[in-house]
Amino acid sequence: MHETSLVIAMCTQIEEMIRAQKAQKVVSITVRVGEFSGVEEEAFNFAFEVYKKEHPLFRETTLKLERVPALKKCLNCGEEFKELYQRSCPRCQKEEITYSGGDELEIAKLELLVED
């Protein structure tokens, strides 16, 4: 289950931000998860719940995962489209296609509690 190592890496990065911002705790985390990222949402949530229990800064943190669809992009005209099994561009009909997005795993939003 590689989601555990992903959660640990994410939380380690967040802990560095917490120290820099002098925050007391993490209120919420929003993570963008690409369709092709290989991340199982249920396993990621489970790993985060386990991590929270052992790390006080995250104990009351809510985690929200935003699914990012995979897109294709035409290298000829720049059109982006979602039809992953389509071999040609819906606009120009060329077959010069690449994937664009869908492999993300990134912190999109972080809400911290900072008291004076």
PDB file of N, CA and C in Angstrom:
ATOM      1  N   MET A   1       0.855  -1.174   0.000  1.00  0.00           N
ATOM      2  CA  MET A   1       0.000   0.000   0.000  1.00  0.00           C
ATOM      3  C   MET A   1       0.901   1.238   0.000  1.00  0.00           C
ATOM      4  N   HIS A   2       1.157   1.785  -1.175  1.00  0.00           N
ATOM      5  CA  HIS A   2       2.036   2.948  -1.275  1.00  0.00           C
ATOM      6  C   HIS A   2       1.364   4.235  -0.808  1.00  0.00           C
ATOM      7  N   GLU A   3       0.067   4.195  -0.576  1.00  0.00           N
ATOM      8  CA  GLU A   3      -0.636   5.383  -0.085  1.00  0.00           C
ATOM      9  C   GLU A   3      -0.099   5.826   1.277  1.00  0.00           C
ATOM     10  N   THR A   4       0.337   4.864   2.092  1.00  0.00           N
ATOM     11  CA  THR A   4       0.893   5.208   3.400  1.00  0.00           C
ATOM     12  C   THR A   4       2.126   6.096   3.244  1.00  0.00           C
ATOM     13  N   SER A   5       3.024   5.725   2.343  1.00  0.00           N
ATOM     14  CA  SER A   5       4.225   6.547   2.143  1.00  0.00           C
ATOM     15  C   SER A   5       3.871   7.901   1.539  1.00  0.00           C
ATOM     16  N   LEU A   6       2.828   7.952   0.715  1.00  0.00           N
ATOM     17  CA  LEU A   6       2.381   9.230   0.149  1.00  0.00           C
ATOM     18  C   LEU A   6       1.826  10.146   1.240  1.00  0.00           C
ATOM     19  N   VAL A   7       1.047   9.579   2.146  1.00  0.00           N
ATOM     20  CA  VAL A   7       0.487  10.360   3.261  1.00  0.00           C
ATOM     21  C   VAL A   7       1.613  10.874   4.159  1.00  0.00           C
ATOM     22  N   ILE A   8       2.576  10.023   4.459  1.00  0.00           N
ATOM     23  CA  ILE A   8       3.699  10.444   5.305  1.00  0.00           C
ATOM     24  C   ILE A   8       4.464  11.588   4.641  1.00  0.00           C
ATOM     25  N   ALA A   9       4.735  11.457   3.345  1.00  0.00           N
ATOM     26  CA  ALA A   9       5.455  12.514   2.620  1.00  0.00           C
ATOM     27  C   ALA A   9       4.659  13.817   2.611  1.00  0.00           C
ATOM     28  N   MET A  10       3.347  13.713   2.374  1.00  0.00           N
ATOM     29  CA  MET A  10       2.492  14.899   2.352  1.00  0.00           C
ATOM     30  C   MET A  10       2.495  15.584   3.720  1.00  0.00           C
ATOM     31  N   CYS A  11       2.315  14.810   4.770  1.00  0.00           N
ATOM     32  CA  CYS A  11       2.234  15.387   6.112  1.00  0.00           C
ATOM     33  C   CYS A  11       3.573  15.954   6.565  1.00  0.00           C
ATOM     34  N   THR A  12       4.663  15.345   6.144  1.00  0.00           N
ATOM     35  CA  THR A  12       5.988  15.886   6.450  1.00  0.00           C
ATOM     36  C   THR A  12       6.158  17.255   5.802  1.00  0.00           C
ATOM     37  N   GLN A  13       5.713  17.368   4.566  1.00  0.00           N
ATOM     38  CA  GLN A  13       5.769  18.653   3.855  1.00  0.00           C
ATOM     39  C   GLN A  13       4.901  19.692   4.569  1.00  0.00           C
ATOM     40  N   ILE A  14       3.721  19.280   4.999  1.00  0.00           N
ATOM     41  CA  ILE A  14       2.812  20.190   5.699  1.00  0.00           C
ATOM     42  C   ILE A  14       3.402  20.615   7.045  1.00  0.00           C
ATOM     43  N   GLU A  15       4.054  19.692   7.745  1.00  0.00           N
ATOM     44  CA  GLU A  15       4.673  20.032   9.030  1.00  0.00           C
ATOM     45  C   GLU A  15       5.729  21.126   8.860  1.00  0.00           C
ATOM     46  N   GLU A  16       6.458  21.093   7.750  1.00  0.00           N
ATOM     47  CA  GLU A  16       7.434  22.157   7.470  1.00  0.00           C
ATOM     48  C   GLU A  16       6.725  23.494   7.274  1.00  0.00           C
ATOM     49  N   MET A  17       5.583  23.474   6.590  1.00  0.00           N
ATOM     50  CA  MET A  17       4.798  24.698   6.393  1.00  0.00           C
ATOM     51  C   MET A  17       4.266  25.220   7.723  1.00  0.00           C
ATOM     52  N   ILE A  18       3.844  24.298   8.582  1.00  0.00           N
ATOM     53  CA  ILE A  18       3.311  24.674   9.894  1.00  0.00           C
ATOM     54  C   ILE A  18       4.374  25.418  10.698  1.00  0.00           C
ATOM     55  N   ARG A  19       5.585  24.884  10.698  1.00  0.00           N
ATOM     56  CA  ARG A  19       6.675  25.546  11.438  1.00  0.00           C
ATOM     57  C   ARG A  19       6.955  26.934  10.861  1.00  0.00           C
ATOM     58  N   ALA A  20       6.956  27.031   9.544  1.00  0.00           N
ATOM     59  CA  ALA A  20       7.229  28.323   8.897  1.00  0.00           C
ATOM     60  C   ALA A  20       6.142  29.349   9.204  1.00  0.00           C
ATOM     61  N   GLN A  21       4.894  28.897   9.290  1.00  0.00           N
ATOM     62  CA  GLN A  21       3.766  29.796   9.547  1.00  0.00           C
ATOM     63  C   GLN A  21       3.471  29.958  11.038  1.00  0.00           C
ATOM     64  N   LYS A  22       4.170  29.194  11.871  1.00  0.00           N
ATOM     65  CA  LYS A  22       3.939  29.188  13.320  1.00  0.00           C
ATOM     66  C   LYS A  22       2.479  28.860  13.646  1.00  0.00           C
ATOM     67  N   ALA A  23       1.955  27.868  12.956  1.00  0.00           N
ATOM     68  CA  ALA A  23       0.565  27.440  13.159  1.00  0.00           C
ATOM     69  C   ALA A  23       0.488  26.429  14.298  1.00  0.00           C
ATOM     70  N   GLN A  24      -0.699  26.348  14.913  1.00  0.00           N
ATOM     71  CA  GLN A  24      -0.913  25.418  16.008  1.00  0.00           C
ATOM     72  C   GLN A  24      -1.414  24.054  15.521  1.00  0.00           C
ATOM     73  N   LYS A  25      -2.197  24.066  14.461  1.00  0.00           N
ATOM     74  CA  LYS A  25      -2.705  22.791  13.945  1.00  0.00           C
ATOM     75  C   LYS A  25      -3.207  22.968  12.516  1.00  0.00           C
ATOM     76  N   VAL A  26      -3.475  21.836  11.900  1.00  0.00           N
ATOM     77  CA  VAL A  26      -4.008  21.805  10.540  1.00  0.00           C
ATOM     78  C   VAL A  26      -5.510  21.582  10.640  1.00  0.00           C
ATOM     79  N   VAL A  27      -6.289  22.511  10.106  1.00  0.00           N
ATOM     80  CA  VAL A  27      -7.749  22.402  10.146  1.00  0.00           C
ATOM     81  C   VAL A  27      -8.240  21.492   9.025  1.00  0.00           C
ATOM     82  N   SER A  28      -7.776  21.743   7.799  1.00  0.00           N
ATOM     83  CA  SER A  28      -8.215  20.915   6.672  1.00  0.00           C
ATOM     84  C   SER A  28      -7.154  20.882   5.578  1.00  0.00           C
ATOM     85  N   ILE A  29      -7.192  19.787   4.830  1.00  0.00           N
ATOM     86  CA  ILE A  29      -6.292  19.596   3.691  1.00  0.00           C
ATOM     87  C   ILE A  29      -7.152  19.174   2.509  1.00  0.00           C
ATOM     88  N   THR A  30      -6.961  19.837   1.373  1.00  0.00           N
ATOM     89  CA  THR A  30      -7.605  19.421   0.130  1.00  0.00           C
ATOM     90  C   THR A  30      -6.501  18.962  -0.811  1.00  0.00           C
ATOM     91  N   VAL A  31      -6.643  17.737  -1.296  1.00  0.00           N
ATOM     92  CA  VAL A  31      -5.630  17.140  -2.168  1.00  0.00           C
ATOM     93  C   VAL A  31      -6.259  16.832  -3.519  1.00  0.00           C
ATOM     94  N   ARG A  32      -5.586  17.256  -4.579  1.00  0.00           N
ATOM     95  CA  ARG A  32      -6.025  16.935  -5.946  1.00  0.00           C
ATOM     96  C   ARG A  32      -5.379  15.611  -6.348  1.00  0.00           C
ATOM     97  N   VAL A  33      -6.227  14.645  -6.720  1.00  0.00           N
ATOM     98  CA  VAL A  33      -5.764  13.302  -7.070  1.00  0.00           C
ATOM     99  C   VAL A  33      -6.156  13.008  -8.510  1.00  0.00           C
ATOM    100  N   GLY A  34      -5.171  12.849  -9.367  1.00  0.00           N
ATOM    101  CA  GLY A  34      -5.428  12.577 -10.775  1.00  0.00           C
ATOM    102  C   GLY A  34      -5.937  11.167 -11.008  1.00  0.00           C
ATOM    103  N   GLU A  35      -6.767  11.043 -12.013  1.00  0.00           N
ATOM    104  CA  GLU A  35      -7.357   9.755 -12.384  1.00  0.00           C
ATOM    105  C   GLU A  35      -6.279   8.701 -12.675  1.00  0.00           C
ATOM    106  N   PHE A  36      -5.151   9.120 -13.236  1.00  0.00           N
ATOM    107  CA  PHE A  36      -4.061   8.204 -13.572  1.00  0.00           C
ATOM    108  C   PHE A  36      -2.923   8.226 -12.551  1.00  0.00           C
ATOM    109  N   SER A  37      -3.146   8.799 -11.375  1.00  0.00           N
ATOM    110  CA  SER A  37      -2.082   8.909 -10.372  1.00  0.00           C
ATOM    111  C   SER A  37      -1.751   7.573  -9.724  1.00  0.00           C
ATOM    112  N   GLY A  38      -2.654   6.626  -9.807  1.00  0.00           N
ATOM    113  CA  GLY A  38      -2.436   5.333  -9.173  1.00  0.00           C
ATOM    114  C   GLY A  38      -2.795   5.322  -7.699  1.00  0.00           C
ATOM    115  N   VAL A  39      -3.382   6.412  -7.215  1.00  0.00           N
ATOM    116  CA  VAL A  39      -3.743   6.512  -5.802  1.00  0.00           C
ATOM    117  C   VAL A  39      -5.157   5.978  -5.596  1.00  0.00           C
ATOM    118  N   GLU A  40      -5.276   5.025  -4.686  1.00  0.00           N
ATOM    119  CA  GLU A  40      -6.582   4.502  -4.291  1.00  0.00           C
ATOM    120  C   GLU A  40      -7.124   5.421  -3.196  1.00  0.00           C
ATOM    121  N   GLU A  41      -8.243   6.075  -3.471  1.00  0.00           N
ATOM    122  CA  GLU A  41      -8.776   7.062  -2.518  1.00  0.00           C
ATOM    123  C   GLU A  41      -9.073   6.450  -1.156  1.00  0.00           C
ATOM    124  N   GLU A  42      -9.667   5.267  -1.144  1.00  0.00           N
ATOM    125  CA  GLU A  42     -10.021   4.624   0.124  1.00  0.00           C
ATOM    126  C   GLU A  42      -8.763   4.313   0.941  1.00  0.00           C
ATOM    127  N   ALA A  43      -7.728   3.819   0.286  1.00  0.00           N
ATOM    128  CA  ALA A  43      -6.472   3.507   0.975  1.00  0.00           C
ATOM    129  C   ALA A  43      -5.785   4.785   1.464  1.00  0.00           C
ATOM    130  N   PHE A  44      -5.854   5.853   0.676  1.00  0.00           N
ATOM    131  CA  PHE A  44      -5.259   7.133   1.066  1.00  0.00           C
ATOM    132  C   PHE A  44      -5.969   7.681   2.302  1.00  0.00           C
ATOM    133  N   ASN A  45      -7.294   7.643   2.288  1.00  0.00           N
ATOM    134  CA  ASN A  45      -8.075   8.097   3.449  1.00  0.00           C
ATOM    135  C   ASN A  45      -7.748   7.273   4.686  1.00  0.00           C
ATOM    136  N   PHE A  46      -7.661   5.951   4.523  1.00  0.00           N
ATOM    137  CA  PHE A  46      -7.349   5.067   5.645  1.00  0.00           C
ATOM    138  C   PHE A  46      -5.963   5.391   6.210  1.00  0.00           C
ATOM    139  N   ALA A  47      -4.981   5.543   5.329  1.00  0.00           N
ATOM    140  CA  ALA A  47      -3.619   5.853   5.772  1.00  0.00           C
ATOM    141  C   ALA A  47      -3.583   7.184   6.520  1.00  0.00           C
ATOM    142  N   PHE A  48      -4.358   8.155   6.050  1.00  0.00           N
ATOM    143  CA  PHE A  48      -4.397   9.449   6.730  1.00  0.00           C
ATOM    144  C   PHE A  48      -5.040   9.320   8.107  1.00  0.00           C
ATOM    145  N   GLU A  49      -6.110   8.535   8.216  1.00  0.00           N
ATOM    146  CA  GLU A  49      -6.766   8.337   9.516  1.00  0.00           C
ATOM    147  C   GLU A  49      -5.807   7.705  10.519  1.00  0.00           C
ATOM    148  N   VAL A  50      -5.003   6.758  10.083  1.00  0.00           N
ATOM    149  CA  VAL A  50      -4.010   6.134  10.961  1.00  0.00           C
ATOM    150  C   VAL A  50      -2.956   7.165  11.365  1.00  0.00           C
ATOM    151  N   TYR A  51      -2.484   7.940  10.399  1.00  0.00           N
ATOM    152  CA  TYR A  51      -1.461   8.962  10.662  1.00  0.00           C
ATOM    153  C   TYR A  51      -1.963   9.982  11.681  1.00  0.00           C
ATOM    154  N   LYS A  52      -3.216  10.410  11.536  1.00  0.00           N
ATOM    155  CA  LYS A  52      -3.805  11.411  12.438  1.00  0.00           C
ATOM    156  C   LYS A  52      -3.735  10.990  13.898  1.00  0.00           C
ATOM    157  N   LYS A  53      -3.976   9.722  14.147  1.00  0.00           N
ATOM    158  CA  LYS A  53      -4.025   9.230  15.525  1.00  0.00           C
ATOM    159  C   LYS A  53      -2.682   9.364  16.235  1.00  0.00           C
ATOM    160  N   GLU A  54      -1.604   9.336  15.461  1.00  0.00           N
ATOM    161  CA  GLU A  54      -0.269   9.362  16.054  1.00  0.00           C
ATOM    162  C   GLU A  54       0.402  10.735  15.993  1.00  0.00           C
ATOM    163  N   HIS A  55      -0.257  11.708  15.362  1.00  0.00           N
ATOM    164  CA  HIS A  55       0.349  13.029  15.189  1.00  0.00           C
ATOM    165  C   HIS A  55      -0.643  14.117  15.599  1.00  0.00           C
ATOM    166  N   PRO A  56      -0.434  14.721  16.774  1.00  0.00           N
ATOM    167  CA  PRO A  56      -1.384  15.688  17.332  1.00  0.00           C
ATOM    168  C   PRO A  56      -1.732  16.863  16.415  1.00  0.00           C
ATOM    169  N   LEU A  57      -0.802  17.327  15.599  1.00  0.00           N
ATOM    170  CA  LEU A  57      -1.097  18.455  14.707  1.00  0.00           C
ATOM    171  C   LEU A  57      -2.210  18.141  13.712  1.00  0.00           C
ATOM    172  N   PHE A  58      -2.424  16.864  13.439  1.00  0.00           N
ATOM    173  CA  PHE A  58      -3.400  16.443  12.431  1.00  0.00           C
ATOM    174  C   PHE A  58      -4.639  15.774  13.036  1.00  0.00           C
ATOM    175  N   ARG A  59      -4.674  15.659  14.355  1.00  0.00           N
ATOM    176  CA  ARG A  59      -5.718  14.869  15.009  1.00  0.00           C
ATOM    177  C   ARG A  59      -7.138  15.287  14.621  1.00  0.00           C
ATOM    178  N   GLU A  60      -7.384  16.578  14.463  1.00  0.00           N
ATOM    179  CA  GLU A  60      -8.731  17.068  14.132  1.00  0.00           C
ATOM    180  C   GLU A  60      -8.847  17.521  12.678  1.00  0.00           C
ATOM    181  N   THR A  61      -7.885  17.179  11.866  1.00  0.00           N
ATOM    182  CA  THR A  61      -7.846  17.622  10.471  1.00  0.00           C
ATOM    183  C   THR A  61      -8.835  16.853   9.610  1.00  0.00           C
ATOM    184  N   THR A  62      -9.531  17.587   8.751  1.00  0.00           N
ATOM    185  CA  THR A  62     -10.381  16.930   7.757  1.00  0.00           C
ATOM    186  C   THR A  62      -9.617  16.885   6.433  1.00  0.00           C
ATOM    187  N   LEU A  63      -9.781  15.768   5.741  1.00  0.00           N
ATOM    188  CA  LEU A  63      -9.113  15.560   4.464  1.00  0.00           C
ATOM    189  C   LEU A  63     -10.165  15.473   3.371  1.00  0.00           C
ATOM    190  N   LYS A  64      -9.962  16.252   2.327  1.00  0.00           N
ATOM    191  CA  LYS A  64     -10.869  16.210   1.176  1.00  0.00           C
ATOM    192  C   LYS A  64     -10.036  15.877  -0.056  1.00  0.00           C
ATOM    193  N   LEU A  65     -10.476  14.879  -0.808  1.00  0.00           N
ATOM    194  CA  LEU A  65      -9.800  14.507  -2.044  1.00  0.00           C
ATOM    195  C   LEU A  65     -10.631  14.979  -3.221  1.00  0.00           C
ATOM    196  N   GLU A  66     -10.000  15.707  -4.125  1.00  0.00           N
ATOM    197  CA  GLU A  66     -10.658  16.166  -5.353  1.00  0.00           C
ATOM    198  C   GLU A  66     -10.113  15.343  -6.508  1.00  0.00           C
ATOM    199  N   ARG A  67     -10.986  14.615  -7.175  1.00  0.00           N
ATOM    200  CA  ARG A  67     -10.579  13.783  -8.305  1.00  0.00           C
ATOM    201  C   ARG A  67     -10.377  14.658  -9.535  1.00  0.00           C
ATOM    202  N   VAL A  68      -9.238  14.501 -10.202  1.00  0.00           N
ATOM    203  CA  VAL A  68      -8.921  15.255 -11.414  1.00  0.00           C
ATOM    204  C   VAL A  68      -8.978  14.285 -12.592  1.00  0.00           C
ATOM    205  N   PRO A  69      -9.848  14.553 -13.556  1.00  0.00           N
ATOM    206  CA  PRO A  69      -9.960  13.631 -14.691  1.00  0.00           C
ATOM    207  C   PRO A  69      -8.732  13.705 -15.593  1.00  0.00           C
ATOM    208  N   ALA A  70      -8.440  12.596 -16.227  1.00  0.00           N
ATOM    209  CA  ALA A  70      -7.375  12.576 -17.228  1.00  0.00           C
ATOM    210  C   ALA A  70      -7.915  13.206 -18.502  1.00  0.00           C
ATOM    211  N   LEU A  71      -7.082  13.956 -19.170  1.00  0.00           N
ATOM    212  CA  LEU A  71      -7.464  14.603 -20.421  1.00  0.00           C
ATOM    213  C   LEU A  71      -6.490  14.201 -21.514  1.00  0.00           C
ATOM    214  N   LYS A  72      -6.947  14.321 -22.737  1.00  0.00           N
ATOM    215  CA  LYS A  72      -6.073  14.190 -23.895  1.00  0.00           C
ATOM    216  C   LYS A  72      -5.935  15.565 -24.514  1.00  0.00           C
ATOM    217  N   LYS A  73      -4.784  15.787 -25.155  1.00  0.00           N
ATOM    218  CA  LYS A  73      -4.538  17.073 -25.801  1.00  0.00           C
ATOM    219  C   LYS A  73      -4.010  16.828 -27.206  1.00  0.00           C
ATOM    220  N   CYS A  74      -4.583  17.555 -28.150  1.00  0.00           N
ATOM    221  CA  CYS A  74      -4.142  17.469 -29.540  1.00  0.00           C
ATOM    222  C   CYS A  74      -2.876  18.307 -29.707  1.00  0.00           C
ATOM    223  N   LEU A  75      -1.838  17.690 -30.223  1.00  0.00           N
ATOM    224  CA  LEU A  75      -0.583  18.406 -30.446  1.00  0.00           C
ATOM    225  C   LEU A  75      -0.656  19.303 -31.674  1.00  0.00           C
ATOM    226  N   ASN A  76      -1.663  19.088 -32.515  1.00  0.00           N
ATOM    227  CA  ASN A  76      -1.826  19.886 -33.728  1.00  0.00           C
ATOM    228  C   ASN A  76      -2.546  21.209 -33.443  1.00  0.00           C
ATOM    229  N   CYS A  77      -3.721  21.134 -32.790  1.00  0.00           N
ATOM    230  CA  CYS A  77      -4.526  22.350 -32.597  1.00  0.00           C
ATOM    231  C   CYS A  77      -4.658  22.779 -31.133  1.00  0.00           C
ATOM    232  N   GLY A  78      -4.203  21.941 -30.186  1.00  0.00           N
ATOM    233  CA  GLY A  78      -4.259  22.303 -28.775  1.00  0.00           C
ATOM    234  C   GLY A  78      -5.556  21.952 -28.069  1.00  0.00           C
ATOM    235  N   GLU A  79      -6.513  21.371 -28.761  1.00  0.00           N
ATOM    236  CA  GLU A  79      -7.800  20.982 -28.165  1.00  0.00           C
ATOM    237  C   GLU A  79      -7.579  19.970 -27.041  1.00  0.00           C
ATOM    238  N   GLU A  80      -8.243  20.195 -25.894  1.00  0.00           N
ATOM    239  CA  GLU A  80      -8.233  19.221 -24.802  1.00  0.00           C
ATOM    240  C   GLU A  80      -9.599  18.564 -24.735  1.00  0.00           C
ATOM    241  N   PHE A  81      -9.603  17.243 -24.500  1.00  0.00           N
ATOM    242  CA  PHE A  81     -10.871  16.516 -24.442  1.00  0.00           C
ATOM    243  C   PHE A  81     -10.740  15.314 -23.515  1.00  0.00           C
ATOM    244  N   LYS A  82     -11.891  14.819 -23.043  1.00  0.00           N
ATOM    245  CA  LYS A  82     -11.926  13.755 -22.043  1.00  0.00           C
ATOM    246  C   LYS A  82     -12.073  12.351 -22.621  1.00  0.00           C
ATOM    247  N   GLU A  83     -12.416  12.233 -23.864  1.00  0.00           N
ATOM    248  CA  GLU A  83     -12.658  10.916 -24.447  1.00  0.00           C
ATOM    249  C   GLU A  83     -11.341  10.156 -24.545  1.00  0.00           C
ATOM    250  N   LEU A  84     -11.017   9.384 -23.511  1.00  0.00           N
ATOM    251  CA  LEU A  84      -9.707   8.756 -23.415  1.00  0.00           C
ATOM    252  C   LEU A  84      -9.474   7.679 -24.465  1.00  0.00           C
ATOM    253  N   TYR A  85     -10.530   7.094 -24.999  1.00  0.00           N
ATOM    254  CA  TYR A  85     -10.358   6.022 -25.980  1.00  0.00           C
ATOM    255  C   TYR A  85     -10.464   6.529 -27.410  1.00  0.00           C
ATOM    256  N   GLN A  86     -10.657   7.815 -27.566  1.00  0.00           N
ATOM    257  CA  GLN A  86     -10.735   8.420 -28.895  1.00  0.00           C
ATOM    258  C   GLN A  86      -9.316   8.595 -29.430  1.00  0.00           C
ATOM    259  N   ARG A  87      -9.088   8.161 -30.662  1.00  0.00           N
ATOM    260  CA  ARG A  87      -7.739   8.188 -31.229  1.00  0.00           C
ATOM    261  C   ARG A  87      -7.427   9.462 -31.997  1.00  0.00           C
ATOM    262  N   SER A  88      -8.449  10.232 -32.347  1.00  0.00           N
ATOM    263  CA  SER A  88      -8.206  11.458 -33.105  1.00  0.00           C
ATOM    264  C   SER A  88      -8.881  12.644 -32.419  1.00  0.00           C
ATOM    265  N   CYS A  89      -8.394  13.817 -32.729  1.00  0.00           N
ATOM    266  CA  CYS A  89      -8.910  15.051 -32.138  1.00  0.00           C
ATOM    267  C   CYS A  89     -10.328  15.317 -32.637  1.00  0.00           C
ATOM    268  N   PRO A  90     -11.263  15.644 -31.738  1.00  0.00           N
ATOM    269  CA  PRO A  90     -12.629  15.943 -32.171  1.00  0.00           C
ATOM    270  C   PRO A  90     -12.728  17.239 -32.982  1.00  0.00           C
ATOM    271  N   ARG A  91     -11.741  18.129 -32.849  1.00  0.00           N
ATOM    272  CA  ARG A  91     -11.782  19.389 -33.588  1.00  0.00           C
ATOM    273  C   ARG A  91     -11.135  19.264 -34.974  1.00  0.00           C
ATOM    274  N   CYS A  92      -9.879  18.796 -35.030  1.00  0.00           N
ATOM    275  CA  CYS A  92      -9.155  18.798 -36.313  1.00  0.00           C
ATOM    276  C   CYS A  92      -8.987  17.407 -36.927  1.00  0.00           C
ATOM    277  N   GLN A  93      -9.392  16.377 -36.196  1.00  0.00           N
ATOM    278  CA  GLN A  93      -9.348  14.979 -36.647  1.00  0.00           C
ATOM    279  C   GLN A  93      -7.939  14.401 -36.780  1.00  0.00           C
ATOM    280  N   LYS A  94      -6.921  15.107 -36.349  1.00  0.00           N
ATOM    281  CA  LYS A  94      -5.547  14.592 -36.398  1.00  0.00           C
ATOM    282  C   LYS A  94      -5.351  13.573 -35.278  1.00  0.00           C
ATOM    283  N   GLU A  95      -4.405  12.668 -35.464  1.00  0.00           N
ATOM    284  CA  GLU A  95      -4.121  11.642 -34.463  1.00  0.00           C
ATOM    285  C   GLU A  95      -2.862  11.951 -33.656  1.00  0.00           C
ATOM    286  N   GLU A  96      -2.472  13.198 -33.620  1.00  0.00           N
ATOM    287  CA  GLU A  96      -1.298  13.623 -32.850  1.00  0.00           C
ATOM    288  C   GLU A  96      -1.766  13.999 -31.441  1.00  0.00           C
ATOM    289  N   ILE A  97      -1.948  12.972 -30.615  1.00  0.00           N
ATOM    290  CA  ILE A  97      -2.585  13.132 -29.305  1.00  0.00           C
ATOM    291  C   ILE A  97      -1.603  12.744 -28.194  1.00  0.00           C
ATOM    292  N   THR A  98      -1.676  13.470 -27.090  1.00  0.00           N
ATOM    293  CA  THR A  98      -0.924  13.116 -25.891  1.00  0.00           C
ATOM    294  C   THR A  98      -1.858  13.260 -24.687  1.00  0.00           C
ATOM    295  N   TYR A  99      -1.464  12.709 -23.563  1.00  0.00           N
ATOM    296  CA  TYR A  99      -2.252  12.889 -22.345  1.00  0.00           C
ATOM    297  C   TYR A  99      -1.872  14.208 -21.697  1.00  0.00           C
ATOM    298  N   SER A 100      -2.860  14.852 -21.097  1.00  0.00           N
ATOM    299  CA  SER A 100      -2.659  16.141 -20.446  1.00  0.00           C
ATOM    300  C   SER A 100      -3.383  16.116 -19.108  1.00  0.00           C
ATOM    301  N   GLY A 101      -2.643  15.956 -18.040  1.00  0.00           N
ATOM    302  CA  GLY A 101      -3.265  15.925 -16.720  1.00  0.00           C
ATOM    303  C   GLY A 101      -3.761  14.542 -16.359  1.00  0.00           C
ATOM    304  N   GLY A 102      -4.241  14.450 -15.140  1.00  0.00           N
ATOM    305  CA  GLY A 102      -4.758  13.185 -14.647  1.00  0.00           C
ATOM    306  C   GLY A 102      -3.753  12.401 -13.832  1.00  0.00           C
ATOM    307  N   ASP A 103      -2.511  12.888 -13.755  1.00  0.00           N
ATOM    308  CA  ASP A 103      -1.499  12.190 -12.961  1.00  0.00           C
ATOM    309  C   ASP A 103      -1.113  12.988 -11.708  1.00  0.00           C
ATOM    310  N   GLU A 104      -1.911  14.002 -11.388  1.00  0.00           N
ATOM    311  CA  GLU A 104      -1.616  14.883 -10.257  1.00  0.00           C
ATOM    312  C   GLU A 104      -1.770  14.180  -8.911  1.00  0.00           C
ATOM    313  N   LEU A 105      -0.959  14.596  -7.982  1.00  0.00           N
ATOM    314  CA  LEU A 105      -1.149  14.323  -6.564  1.00  0.00           C
ATOM    315  C   LEU A 105      -0.520  15.521  -5.870  1.00  0.00           C
ATOM    316  N   GLU A 106      -1.367  16.482  -5.506  1.00  0.00           N
ATOM    317  CA  GLU A 106      -0.844  17.742  -4.978  1.00  0.00           C
ATOM    318  C   GLU A 106      -1.780  18.332  -3.937  1.00  0.00           C
ATOM    319  N   ILE A 107      -1.184  19.060  -3.027  1.00  0.00           N
ATOM    320  CA  ILE A 107      -1.971  19.774  -2.028  1.00  0.00           C
ATOM    321  C   ILE A 107      -2.573  20.990  -2.720  1.00  0.00           C
ATOM    322  N   ALA A 108      -3.891  21.033  -2.787  1.00  0.00           N
ATOM    323  CA  ALA A 108      -4.579  22.140  -3.459  1.00  0.00           C
ATOM    324  C   ALA A 108      -4.906  23.262  -2.482  1.00  0.00           C
ATOM    325  N   LYS A 109      -5.226  22.881  -1.243  1.00  0.00           N
ATOM    326  CA  LYS A 109      -5.619  23.882  -0.248  1.00  0.00           C
ATOM    327  C   LYS A 109      -5.237  23.363   1.127  1.00  0.00           C
ATOM    328  N   LEU A 110      -4.763  24.267   1.948  1.00  0.00           N
ATOM    329  CA  LEU A 110      -4.351  23.923   3.297  1.00  0.00           C
ATOM    330  C   LEU A 110      -4.867  25.002   4.233  1.00  0.00           C
ATOM    331  N   GLU A 111      -5.650  24.599   5.209  1.00  0.00           N
ATOM    332  CA  GLU A 111      -6.178  25.553   6.187  1.00  0.00           C
ATOM    333  C   GLU A 111      -5.502  25.288   7.527  1.00  0.00           C
ATOM    334  N   LEU A 112      -4.808  26.303   8.033  1.00  0.00           N
ATOM    335  CA  LEU A 112      -4.077  26.194   9.288  1.00  0.00           C
ATOM    336  C   LEU A 112      -4.697  27.089  10.347  1.00  0.00           C
ATOM    337  N   LEU A 113      -4.544  26.700  11.597  1.00  0.00           N
ATOM    338  CA  LEU A 113      -4.957  27.543  12.713  1.00  0.00           C
ATOM    339  C   LEU A 113      -3.714  28.256  13.229  1.00  0.00           C
ATOM    340  N   VAL A 114      -3.721  29.575  13.101  1.00  0.00           N
ATOM    341  CA  VAL A 114      -2.600  30.394  13.566  1.00  0.00           C
ATOM    342  C   VAL A 114      -3.149  31.367  14.595  1.00  0.00           C
ATOM    343  N   GLU A 115      -2.674  31.238  15.828  1.00  0.00           N
ATOM    344  CA  GLU A 115      -3.110  32.142  16.897  1.00  0.00           C
ATOM    345  C   GLU A 115      -1.983  33.109  17.220  1.00  0.00           C
ATOM    346  N   ASP A 116      -2.362  34.326  17.565  1.00  0.00           N
ATOM    347  CA  ASP A 116      -1.351  35.342  17.917  1.00  0.00           C
ATOM    348  C   ASP A 116      -0.784  35.114  19.287  1.00  0.00           C
TER     349      ASP A 116
END
